[in-house]
């Protein structure tokens, strides 16, 4: 599990994927989320604007697992 440090109260899921280097573009982030391979705290999320806060665990199936700190 890899740590991703944010300095704001929250970050949107699509922005987090770009910030963490999982996706190169916003379009790529959107596609990963739409495919249903991204989960937040164990639940699949298809909402790219989902607010991610410190302590949340984001998993991209078979790619990476992140904890937001």
PDB file of N, CA and C in Angstrom:
ATOM      1  N   UNK A   1       0.859  -1.178   0.000  1.00  0.00           N
ATOM      2  CA  UNK A   1       0.000   0.000   0.000  1.00  0.00           C
ATOM      3  C   UNK A   1       0.900   1.234   0.000  1.00  0.00           C
ATOM      4  N   UNK A   2       0.566   2.157  -0.856  1.00  0.00           N
ATOM      5  CA  UNK A   2       1.360   3.375  -1.022  1.00  0.00           C
ATOM      6  C   UNK A   2       0.619   4.554  -0.405  1.00  0.00           C
ATOM      7  N   UNK A   3       1.363   5.417   0.274  1.00  0.00           N
ATOM      8  CA  UNK A   3       0.762   6.617   0.882  1.00  0.00           C
ATOM      9  C   UNK A   3       0.745   7.761  -0.116  1.00  0.00           C
ATOM     10  N   UNK A   4      -0.372   8.486  -0.127  1.00  0.00           N
ATOM     11  CA  UNK A   4      -0.496   9.705  -0.938  1.00  0.00           C
ATOM     12  C   UNK A   4      -0.888  10.815   0.033  1.00  0.00           C
ATOM     13  N   UNK A   5      -0.035  11.823   0.123  1.00  0.00           N
ATOM     14  CA  UNK A   5      -0.255  12.909   1.076  1.00  0.00           C
ATOM     15  C   UNK A   5      -0.985  14.066   0.393  1.00  0.00           C
ATOM     16  N   UNK A   6      -2.084  14.498   1.020  1.00  0.00           N
ATOM     17  CA  UNK A   6      -2.802  15.669   0.510  1.00  0.00           C
ATOM     18  C   UNK A   6      -2.726  16.778   1.560  1.00  0.00           C
ATOM     19  N   UNK A   7      -2.805  18.005   1.092  1.00  0.00           N
ATOM     20  CA  UNK A   7      -2.707  19.146   2.016  1.00  0.00           C
ATOM     21  C   UNK A   7      -4.036  19.879   2.126  1.00  0.00           C
ATOM     22  N   UNK A   8      -5.041  19.364   1.424  1.00  0.00           N
ATOM     23  CA  UNK A   8      -6.365  19.977   1.458  1.00  0.00           C
ATOM     24  C   UNK A   8      -7.313  19.078   2.255  1.00  0.00           C
ATOM     25  N   UNK A   9      -8.506  19.562   2.512  1.00  0.00           N
ATOM     26  CA  UNK A   9      -9.502  18.804   3.280  1.00  0.00           C
ATOM     27  C   UNK A   9      -9.908  17.528   2.541  1.00  0.00           C
ATOM     28  N   UNK A  10     -10.016  17.609   1.215  1.00  0.00           N
ATOM     29  CA  UNK A  10     -10.367  16.454   0.385  1.00  0.00           C
ATOM     30  C   UNK A  10      -9.817  16.660  -1.015  1.00  0.00           C
ATOM     31  N   UNK A  11      -9.856  15.576  -1.794  1.00  0.00           N
ATOM     32  CA  UNK A  11      -9.479  15.633  -3.208  1.00  0.00           C
ATOM     33  C   UNK A  11     -10.487  14.759  -3.957  1.00  0.00           C
ATOM     34  N   UNK A  12     -10.867  15.169  -5.151  1.00  0.00           N
ATOM     35  CA  UNK A  12     -11.812  14.368  -5.929  1.00  0.00           C
ATOM     36  C   UNK A  12     -11.086  13.137  -6.473  1.00  0.00           C
ATOM     37  N   UNK A  13     -11.827  12.056  -6.592  1.00  0.00           N
ATOM     38  CA  UNK A  13     -11.252  10.773  -7.004  1.00  0.00           C
ATOM     39  C   UNK A  13     -10.483  10.864  -8.310  1.00  0.00           C
ATOM     40  N   UNK A  14     -11.056  11.498  -9.323  1.00  0.00           N
ATOM     41  CA  UNK A  14     -10.353  11.581 -10.606  1.00  0.00           C
ATOM     42  C   UNK A  14      -9.051  12.370 -10.485  1.00  0.00           C
ATOM     43  N   UNK A  15      -9.055  13.405  -9.656  1.00  0.00           N
ATOM     44  CA  UNK A  15      -7.845  14.206  -9.438  1.00  0.00           C
ATOM     45  C   UNK A  15      -6.795  13.405  -8.674  1.00  0.00           C
ATOM     46  N   UNK A  16      -7.247  12.580  -7.735  1.00  0.00           N
ATOM     47  CA  UNK A  16      -6.319  11.748  -6.964  1.00  0.00           C
ATOM     48  C   UNK A  16      -5.593  10.759  -7.864  1.00  0.00           C
ATOM     49  N   UNK A  17      -6.310  10.166  -8.792  1.00  0.00           N
ATOM     50  CA  UNK A  17      -5.682   9.201  -9.697  1.00  0.00           C
ATOM     51  C   UNK A  17      -4.583   9.860 -10.529  1.00  0.00           C
ATOM     52  N   UNK A  18      -4.824  11.088 -10.959  1.00  0.00           N
ATOM     53  CA  UNK A  18      -3.790  11.828 -11.702  1.00  0.00           C
ATOM     54  C   UNK A  18      -2.651  12.225 -10.767  1.00  0.00           C
ATOM     55  N   UNK A  19      -2.975  12.749  -9.588  1.00  0.00           N
ATOM     56  CA  UNK A  19      -1.989  13.210  -8.615  1.00  0.00           C
ATOM     57  C   UNK A  19      -1.049  12.076  -8.199  1.00  0.00           C
ATOM     58  N   UNK A  20      -1.596  10.868  -8.050  1.00  0.00           N
ATOM     59  CA  UNK A  20      -0.806   9.714  -7.615  1.00  0.00           C
ATOM     60  C   UNK A  20      -0.044   9.055  -8.762  1.00  0.00           C
ATOM     61  N   UNK A  21      -0.269   9.526  -9.988  1.00  0.00           N
ATOM     62  CA  UNK A  21       0.443   8.982 -11.139  1.00  0.00           C
ATOM     63  C   UNK A  21      -0.164   7.709 -11.713  1.00  0.00           C
ATOM     64  N   UNK A  22      -1.385   7.375 -11.294  1.00  0.00           N
ATOM     65  CA  UNK A  22      -2.070   6.196 -11.824  1.00  0.00           C
ATOM     66  C   UNK A  22      -2.553   6.486 -13.247  1.00  0.00           C
ATOM     67  N   UNK A  23      -3.078   7.683 -13.456  1.00  0.00           N
ATOM     68  CA  UNK A  23      -3.581   8.101 -14.765  1.00  0.00           C
ATOM     69  C   UNK A  23      -2.781   9.310 -15.243  1.00  0.00           C
ATOM     70  N   UNK A  24      -2.581   9.381 -16.547  1.00  0.00           N
ATOM     71  CA  UNK A  24      -1.842  10.503 -17.124  1.00  0.00           C
ATOM     72  C   UNK A  24      -2.737  11.699 -17.403  1.00  0.00           C
ATOM     73  N   UNK A  25      -4.014  11.429 -17.692  1.00  0.00           N
ATOM     74  CA  UNK A  25      -4.945  12.499 -18.059  1.00  0.00           C
ATOM     75  C   UNK A  25      -6.260  12.336 -17.305  1.00  0.00           C
ATOM     76  N   UNK A  26      -7.074  13.370 -17.361  1.00  0.00           N
ATOM     77  CA  UNK A  26      -8.402  13.302 -16.765  1.00  0.00           C
ATOM     78  C   UNK A  26      -9.268  12.272 -17.470  1.00  0.00           C
ATOM     79  N   UNK A  27      -9.097  12.151 -18.773  1.00  0.00           N
ATOM     80  CA  UNK A  27      -9.851  11.171 -19.550  1.00  0.00           C
ATOM     81  C   UNK A  27      -9.511   9.748 -19.136  1.00  0.00           C
ATOM     82  N   UNK A  28      -8.243   9.512 -18.871  1.00  0.00           N
ATOM     83  CA  UNK A  28      -7.817   8.187 -18.424  1.00  0.00           C
ATOM     84  C   UNK A  28      -8.384   7.879 -17.038  1.00  0.00           C
ATOM     85  N   UNK A  29      -8.387   8.879 -16.153  1.00  0.00           N
ATOM     86  CA  UNK A  29      -8.986   8.710 -14.816  1.00  0.00           C
ATOM     87  C   UNK A  29     -10.449   8.351 -14.948  1.00  0.00           C
ATOM     88  N   UNK A  30     -11.148   9.082 -15.781  1.00  0.00           N
ATOM     89  CA  UNK A  30     -12.578   8.864 -15.996  1.00  0.00           C
ATOM     90  C   UNK A  30     -12.837   7.437 -16.493  1.00  0.00           C
ATOM     91  N   UNK A  31     -11.999   6.964 -17.413  1.00  0.00           N
ATOM     92  CA  UNK A  31     -12.165   5.633 -17.971  1.00  0.00           C
ATOM     93  C   UNK A  31     -11.957   4.546 -16.907  1.00  0.00           C
ATOM     94  N   UNK A  32     -10.925   4.698 -16.078  1.00  0.00           N
ATOM     95  CA  UNK A  32     -10.663   3.722 -15.017  1.00  0.00           C
ATOM     96  C   UNK A  32     -11.851   3.637 -14.055  1.00  0.00           C
ATOM     97  N   UNK A  33     -12.391   4.790 -13.705  1.00  0.00           N
ATOM     98  CA  UNK A  33     -13.521   4.840 -12.774  1.00  0.00           C
ATOM     99  C   UNK A  33     -14.759   4.222 -13.422  1.00  0.00           C
ATOM    100  N   UNK A  34     -15.010   4.571 -14.674  1.00  0.00           N
ATOM    101  CA  UNK A  34     -16.188   4.074 -15.384  1.00  0.00           C
ATOM    102  C   UNK A  34     -16.150   2.556 -15.566  1.00  0.00           C
ATOM    103  N   UNK A  35     -14.948   1.996 -15.715  1.00  0.00           N
ATOM    104  CA  UNK A  35     -14.788   0.553 -15.887  1.00  0.00           C
ATOM    105  C   UNK A  35     -15.144  -0.225 -14.616  1.00  0.00           C
ATOM    106  N   UNK A  36     -15.236   0.471 -13.483  1.00  0.00           N
ATOM    107  CA  UNK A  36     -15.606  -0.196 -12.235  1.00  0.00           C
ATOM    108  C   UNK A  36     -14.467  -0.920 -11.556  1.00  0.00           C
ATOM    109  N   UNK A  37     -13.220  -0.491 -11.820  1.00  0.00           N
ATOM    110  CA  UNK A  37     -12.080  -1.154 -11.181  1.00  0.00           C
ATOM    111  C   UNK A  37     -11.505  -0.342 -10.024  1.00  0.00           C
ATOM    112  N   UNK A  38     -12.154   0.781  -9.701  1.00  0.00           N
ATOM    113  CA  UNK A  38     -11.679   1.631  -8.607  1.00  0.00           C
ATOM    114  C   UNK A  38     -12.633   1.494  -7.420  1.00  0.00           C
ATOM    115  N   UNK A  39     -12.053   1.184  -6.261  1.00  0.00           N
ATOM    116  CA  UNK A  39     -12.882   1.101  -5.056  1.00  0.00           C
ATOM    117  C   UNK A  39     -12.331   2.032  -3.987  1.00  0.00           C
ATOM    118  N   UNK A  40     -13.238   2.547  -3.176  1.00  0.00           N
ATOM    119  CA  UNK A  40     -12.879   3.413  -2.058  1.00  0.00           C
ATOM    120  C   UNK A  40     -13.404   2.741  -0.794  1.00  0.00           C
ATOM    121  N   UNK A  41     -12.495   2.463   0.119  1.00  0.00           N
ATOM    122  CA  UNK A  41     -12.840   1.786   1.372  1.00  0.00           C
ATOM    123  C   UNK A  41     -13.637   0.505   1.117  1.00  0.00           C
ATOM    124  N   UNK A  42     -13.232  -0.239   0.079  1.00  0.00           N
ATOM    125  CA  UNK A  42     -13.836  -1.534  -0.204  1.00  0.00           C
ATOM    126  C   UNK A  42     -15.087  -1.507  -1.065  1.00  0.00           C
ATOM    127  N   UNK A  43     -15.551  -0.334  -1.467  1.00  0.00           N
ATOM    128  CA  UNK A  43     -16.764  -0.241  -2.290  1.00  0.00           C
ATOM    129  C   UNK A  43     -16.421   0.351  -3.663  1.00  0.00           C
ATOM    130  N   UNK A  44     -16.878  -0.313  -4.713  1.00  0.00           N
ATOM    131  CA  UNK A  44     -16.628   0.174  -6.069  1.00  0.00           C
ATOM    132  C   UNK A  44     -17.333   1.514  -6.252  1.00  0.00           C
ATOM    133  N   UNK A  45     -16.595   2.453  -6.820  1.00  0.00           N
ATOM    134  CA  UNK A  45     -17.122   3.803  -7.023  1.00  0.00           C
ATOM    135  C   UNK A  45     -17.079   4.127  -8.510  1.00  0.00           C
ATOM    136  N   UNK A  46     -18.193   4.632  -9.037  1.00  0.00           N
ATOM    137  CA  UNK A  46     -18.241   5.041 -10.441  1.00  0.00           C
ATOM    138  C   UNK A  46     -18.502   6.539 -10.565  1.00  0.00           C
ATOM    139  N   UNK A  47     -18.306   7.250  -9.477  1.00  0.00           N
ATOM    140  CA  UNK A  47     -18.524   8.693  -9.415  1.00  0.00           C
ATOM    141  C   UNK A  47     -17.158   9.377  -9.355  1.00  0.00           C
ATOM    142  N   UNK A  48     -16.753  10.008 -10.448  1.00  0.00           N
ATOM    143  CA  UNK A  48     -15.398  10.567 -10.493  1.00  0.00           C
ATOM    144  C   UNK A  48     -15.206  11.766  -9.572  1.00  0.00           C
ATOM    145  N   UNK A  49     -16.308  12.399  -9.174  1.00  0.00           N
ATOM    146  CA  UNK A  49     -16.217  13.540  -8.276  1.00  0.00           C
ATOM    147  C   UNK A  49     -16.280  13.168  -6.799  1.00  0.00           C
ATOM    148  N   UNK A  50     -16.234  11.862  -6.495  1.00  0.00           N
ATOM    149  CA  UNK A  50     -16.290  11.399  -5.100  1.00  0.00           C
ATOM    150  C   UNK A  50     -15.178  12.059  -4.304  1.00  0.00           C
ATOM    151  N   UNK A  51     -15.533  12.605  -3.146  1.00  0.00           N
ATOM    152  CA  UNK A  51     -14.549  13.274  -2.298  1.00  0.00           C
ATOM    153  C   UNK A  51     -13.764  12.242  -1.488  1.00  0.00           C
ATOM    154  N   UNK A  52     -12.451  12.312  -1.621  1.00  0.00           N
ATOM    155  CA  UNK A  52     -11.559  11.410  -0.916  1.00  0.00           C
ATOM    156  C   UNK A  52     -10.879  12.214   0.183  1.00  0.00           C
ATOM    157  N   UNK A  53     -10.941  11.677   1.395  1.00  0.00           N
ATOM    158  CA  UNK A  53     -10.378  12.372   2.559  1.00  0.00           C
ATOM    159  C   UNK A  53      -9.259  11.545   3.173  1.00  0.00           C
ATOM    160  N   UNK A  54      -8.497  12.161   4.071  1.00  0.00           N
ATOM    161  CA  UNK A  54      -7.430  11.449   4.777  1.00  0.00           C
ATOM    162  C   UNK A  54      -7.998  10.205   5.456  1.00  0.00           C
ATOM    163  N   UNK A  55      -7.272   9.105   5.351  1.00  0.00           N
ATOM    164  CA  UNK A  55      -7.696   7.857   5.956  1.00  0.00           C
ATOM    165  C   UNK A  55      -8.423   6.941   4.979  1.00  0.00           C
ATOM    166  N   UNK A  56      -8.863   7.485   3.841  1.00  0.00           N
ATOM    167  CA  UNK A  56      -9.538   6.656   2.845  1.00  0.00           C
ATOM    168  C   UNK A  56      -8.514   5.766   2.132  1.00  0.00           C
ATOM    169  N   UNK A  57      -8.966   4.567   1.787  1.00  0.00           N
ATOM    170  CA  UNK A  57      -8.129   3.632   1.039  1.00  0.00           C
ATOM    171  C   UNK A  57      -8.740   3.479  -0.352  1.00  0.00           C
ATOM    172  N   UNK A  58      -7.927   3.777  -1.348  1.00  0.00           N
ATOM    173  CA  UNK A  58      -8.369   3.704  -2.741  1.00  0.00           C
ATOM    174  C   UNK A  58      -7.601   2.570  -3.408  1.00  0.00           C
ATOM    175  N   UNK A  59      -8.342   1.630  -3.997  1.00  0.00           N
ATOM    176  CA  UNK A  59      -7.706   0.510  -4.672  1.00  0.00           C
ATOM    177  C   UNK A  59      -8.113   0.495  -6.133  1.00  0.00           C
ATOM    178  N   UNK A  60      -7.108   0.363  -6.990  1.00  0.00           N
ATOM    179  CA  UNK A  60      -7.333   0.234  -8.411  1.00  0.00           C
ATOM    180  C   UNK A  60      -6.976  -1.209  -8.726  1.00  0.00           C
ATOM    181  N   UNK A  61      -7.977  -2.009  -9.015  1.00  0.00           N
ATOM    182  CA  UNK A  61      -7.854  -3.459  -9.157  1.00  0.00           C
ATOM    183  C   UNK A  61      -6.644  -3.849  -9.998  1.00  0.00           C
ATOM    184  N   UNK A  62      -5.790  -4.668  -9.410  1.00  0.00           N
ATOM    185  CA  UNK A  62      -4.588  -5.222 -10.062  1.00  0.00           C
ATOM    186  C   UNK A  62      -3.585  -4.160 -10.526  1.00  0.00           C
ATOM    187  N   UNK A  63      -3.738  -2.916 -10.050  1.00  0.00           N
ATOM    188  CA  UNK A  63      -2.797  -1.870 -10.442  1.00  0.00           C
ATOM    189  C   UNK A  63      -2.084  -1.300  -9.222  1.00  0.00           C
ATOM    190  N   UNK A  64      -2.841  -0.783  -8.250  1.00  0.00           N
ATOM    191  CA  UNK A  64      -2.228  -0.130  -7.098  1.00  0.00           C
ATOM    192  C   UNK A  64      -3.231  -0.008  -5.963  1.00  0.00           C
ATOM    193  N   UNK A  65      -2.721   0.216  -4.766  1.00  0.00           N
ATOM    194  CA  UNK A  65      -3.559   0.448  -3.593  1.00  0.00           C
ATOM    195  C   UNK A  65      -2.958   1.636  -2.842  1.00  0.00           C
ATOM    196  N   UNK A  66      -3.792   2.621  -2.542  1.00  0.00           N
ATOM    197  CA  UNK A  66      -3.320   3.865  -1.942  1.00  0.00           C
ATOM    198  C   UNK A  66      -4.046   4.139  -0.626  1.00  0.00           C
ATOM    199  N   UNK A  67      -3.319   4.728   0.314  1.00  0.00           N
ATOM    200  CA  UNK A  67      -3.961   5.273   1.501  1.00  0.00           C
ATOM    201  C   UNK A  67      -3.677   6.771   1.496  1.00  0.00           C
ATOM    202  N   UNK A  68      -4.716   7.546   1.722  1.00  0.00           N
ATOM    203  CA  UNK A  68      -4.590   9.000   1.684  1.00  0.00           C
ATOM    204  C   UNK A  68      -4.272   9.483   3.091  1.00  0.00           C
ATOM    205  N   UNK A  69      -3.192  10.231   3.203  1.00  0.00           N
ATOM    206  CA  UNK A  69      -2.766  10.763   4.507  1.00  0.00           C
ATOM    207  C   UNK A  69      -2.640  12.262   4.447  1.00  0.00           C
TER     208      UNK A  69
END
